[in-house]
Amino acid sequence: TVSIQAQVGQANWDQALGERIQWMVGQKMQGAQVKLNPANLGPMEIRVQVQNDQASVQFAAPQAMVREALEAALPRLRDMFEAPEWAG
């Protein structure tokens, strides 16, 4: 179980989520249950698969608000994972 301190839907939430996913990949974790802020929105499941140099990330969240925040965060997450410091 891991947690994200940033509040779901706030401006810095996508950054915090991306950093947590990058940490999971670095730790070779294949999945985690994520405690969200506020707590009544969680937990959210993250599954990570890495093959060669490609990472596949799946999310499962029961709350519509969390799913909407994930959708809104996707462009930022893609940018984070495509950044040269991450790829190299």
C-alpha atoms as a PDB file:
ATOM      1  CA  THR A   1       0.000   0.000   0.000  1.00  0.00           C
ATOM      2  CA  VAL A   2       1.264   3.436  -0.935  1.00  0.00           C
ATOM      3  CA  SER A   3      -0.302   6.855  -0.515  1.00  0.00           C
ATOM      4  CA  ILE A   4      -0.562  10.126  -2.379  1.00  0.00           C
ATOM      5  CA  GLN A   5      -0.703  13.151  -0.108  1.00  0.00           C
ATOM      6  CA  ALA A   6      -1.881  15.613  -2.772  1.00  0.00           C
ATOM      7  CA  GLN A   7      -5.655  15.976  -2.870  1.00  0.00           C
ATOM      8  CA  VAL A   8      -7.421  14.288  -5.798  1.00  0.00           C
ATOM      9  CA  GLY A   9      -8.228  16.792  -8.518  1.00  0.00           C
ATOM     10  CA  GLN A  10      -5.974  19.556  -7.218  1.00  0.00           C
ATOM     11  CA  ALA A  11      -3.331  21.155  -9.457  1.00  0.00           C
ATOM     12  CA  ASN A  12      -0.411  19.110  -8.077  1.00  0.00           C
ATOM     13  CA  TRP A  13      -2.212  15.756  -7.945  1.00  0.00           C
ATOM     14  CA  ASP A  14      -1.115  14.633 -11.421  1.00  0.00           C
ATOM     15  CA  GLN A  15       2.524  15.397 -10.559  1.00  0.00           C
ATOM     16  CA  ALA A  16       2.276  13.474  -7.272  1.00  0.00           C
ATOM     17  CA  LEU A  17       0.611  10.530  -9.032  1.00  0.00           C
ATOM     18  CA  GLY A  18       3.281  10.462 -11.739  1.00  0.00           C
ATOM     19  CA  GLU A  19       6.069  10.538  -9.171  1.00  0.00           C
ATOM     20  CA  ARG A  20       4.448   7.665  -7.274  1.00  0.00           C
ATOM     21  CA  ILE A  21       4.174   5.581 -10.461  1.00  0.00           C
ATOM     22  CA  GLN A  22       7.802   6.327 -11.371  1.00  0.00           C
ATOM     23  CA  TRP A  23       8.813   5.262  -7.856  1.00  0.00           C
ATOM     24  CA  MET A  24       6.830   2.020  -8.245  1.00  0.00           C
ATOM     25  CA  VAL A  25       8.574   1.262 -11.552  1.00  0.00           C
ATOM     26  CA  GLY A  26      11.955   2.013  -9.945  1.00  0.00           C
ATOM     27  CA  GLN A  27      11.126  -0.377  -7.104  1.00  0.00           C
ATOM     28  CA  LYS A  28      10.014  -3.008  -9.629  1.00  0.00           C
ATOM     29  CA  MET A  29       6.557  -3.081  -8.054  1.00  0.00           C
ATOM     30  CA  GLN A  30       3.918  -4.620 -10.292  1.00  0.00           C
ATOM     31  CA  GLY A  31       0.944  -3.305  -8.396  1.00  0.00           C
ATOM     32  CA  ALA A  32      -0.163  -1.325  -5.401  1.00  0.00           C
ATOM     33  CA  GLN A  33      -3.210  -0.205  -3.542  1.00  0.00           C
ATOM     34  CA  VAL A  34      -3.060   3.581  -3.267  1.00  0.00           C
ATOM     35  CA  LYS A  35      -4.541   5.545  -0.398  1.00  0.00           C
ATOM     36  CA  LEU A  36      -5.982   8.792  -1.696  1.00  0.00           C
ATOM     37  CA  ASN A  37      -6.599  12.198  -0.173  1.00  0.00           C
ATOM     38  CA  PRO A  38      -9.369  12.606   0.918  1.00  0.00           C
ATOM     39  CA  ALA A  39      -9.482   9.073   2.251  1.00  0.00           C
ATOM     40  CA  ASN A  40     -13.161   8.526   1.417  1.00  0.00           C
ATOM     41  CA  LEU A  41     -12.222   8.437  -2.303  1.00  0.00           C
ATOM     42  CA  GLY A  42      -9.869   5.486  -2.073  1.00  0.00           C
ATOM     43  CA  PRO A  43      -8.331   3.146  -2.407  1.00  0.00           C
ATOM     44  CA  MET A  44      -7.260   3.084  -6.036  1.00  0.00           C
ATOM     45  CA  GLU A  45      -5.430   0.172  -7.654  1.00  0.00           C
ATOM     46  CA  ILE A  46      -2.401   0.704  -9.895  1.00  0.00           C
ATOM     47  CA  ARG A  47      -0.887  -2.122 -11.931  1.00  0.00           C
ATOM     48  CA  VAL A  48       2.423  -1.661 -13.764  1.00  0.00           C
ATOM     49  CA  GLN A  49       3.912  -3.925 -16.409  1.00  0.00           C
ATOM     50  CA  VAL A  50       7.345  -3.228 -17.861  1.00  0.00           C
ATOM     51  CA  GLN A  51       8.513  -5.074 -20.963  1.00  0.00           C
ATOM     52  CA  ASN A  52      11.749  -4.069 -22.663  1.00  0.00           C
ATOM     53  CA  ASP A  53      11.672  -0.268 -22.356  1.00  0.00           C
ATOM     54  CA  GLN A  54       7.880   0.051 -22.380  1.00  0.00           C
ATOM     55  CA  ALA A  55       5.740   0.577 -19.299  1.00  0.00           C
ATOM     56  CA  SER A  56       2.022  -0.182 -19.247  1.00  0.00           C
ATOM     57  CA  VAL A  57       0.009   1.270 -16.368  1.00  0.00           C
ATOM     58  CA  GLN A  58      -3.567   0.326 -15.466  1.00  0.00           C
ATOM     59  CA  PHE A  59      -5.756   2.099 -12.947  1.00  0.00           C
ATOM     60  CA  ALA A  60      -8.890   0.905 -11.158  1.00  0.00           C
ATOM     61  CA  ALA A  61     -10.895   3.346  -9.082  1.00  0.00           C
ATOM     62  CA  PRO A  62     -14.455   2.884  -7.802  1.00  0.00           C
ATOM     63  CA  GLN A  63     -15.204   6.603  -7.418  1.00  0.00           C
ATOM     64  CA  ALA A  64     -16.223   8.642 -10.495  1.00  0.00           C
ATOM     65  CA  MET A  65     -14.348  11.686  -9.162  1.00  0.00           C
ATOM     66  CA  VAL A  66     -11.099   9.696  -9.081  1.00  0.00           C
ATOM     67  CA  ARG A  67     -11.651   8.348 -12.598  1.00  0.00           C
ATOM     68  CA  GLU A  68     -12.273  11.894 -13.854  1.00  0.00           C
ATOM     69  CA  ALA A  69      -9.096  13.130 -12.142  1.00  0.00           C
ATOM     70  CA  LEU A  70      -7.152  10.243 -13.712  1.00  0.00           C
ATOM     71  CA  GLU A  71      -8.476  11.128 -17.165  1.00  0.00           C
ATOM     72  CA  ALA A  72      -7.509  14.760 -16.654  1.00  0.00           C
ATOM     73  CA  ALA A  73      -4.020  13.709 -15.478  1.00  0.00           C
ATOM     74  CA  LEU A  74      -3.256  11.432 -18.456  1.00  0.00           C
ATOM     75  CA  PRO A  75      -1.626  14.095 -20.678  1.00  0.00           C
ATOM     76  CA  ARG A  76       0.669  15.169 -17.824  1.00  0.00           C
ATOM     77  CA  LEU A  77       1.518  11.548 -16.990  1.00  0.00           C
ATOM     78  CA  ARG A  78       2.409  10.853 -20.632  1.00  0.00           C
ATOM     79  CA  ASP A  79       4.656  13.927 -20.655  1.00  0.00           C
ATOM     80  CA  MET A  80       6.388  12.797 -17.471  1.00  0.00           C
ATOM     81  CA  PHE A  81       7.098   9.323 -18.817  1.00  0.00           C
ATOM     82  CA  GLU A  82       8.302  10.635 -22.190  1.00  0.00           C
ATOM     83  CA  ALA A  83      10.708  13.145 -20.601  1.00  0.00           C
ATOM     84  CA  PRO A  84      14.409  12.521 -21.423  1.00  0.00           C
ATOM     85  CA  GLU A  85      15.388  12.176 -17.747  1.00  0.00           C
ATOM     86  CA  TRP A  86      12.843   9.363 -17.340  1.00  0.00           C
ATOM     87  CA  ALA A  87      13.630   7.600 -20.613  1.00  0.00           C
ATOM     88  CA  GLY A  88      17.373   7.754 -20.130  1.00  0.00           C
END
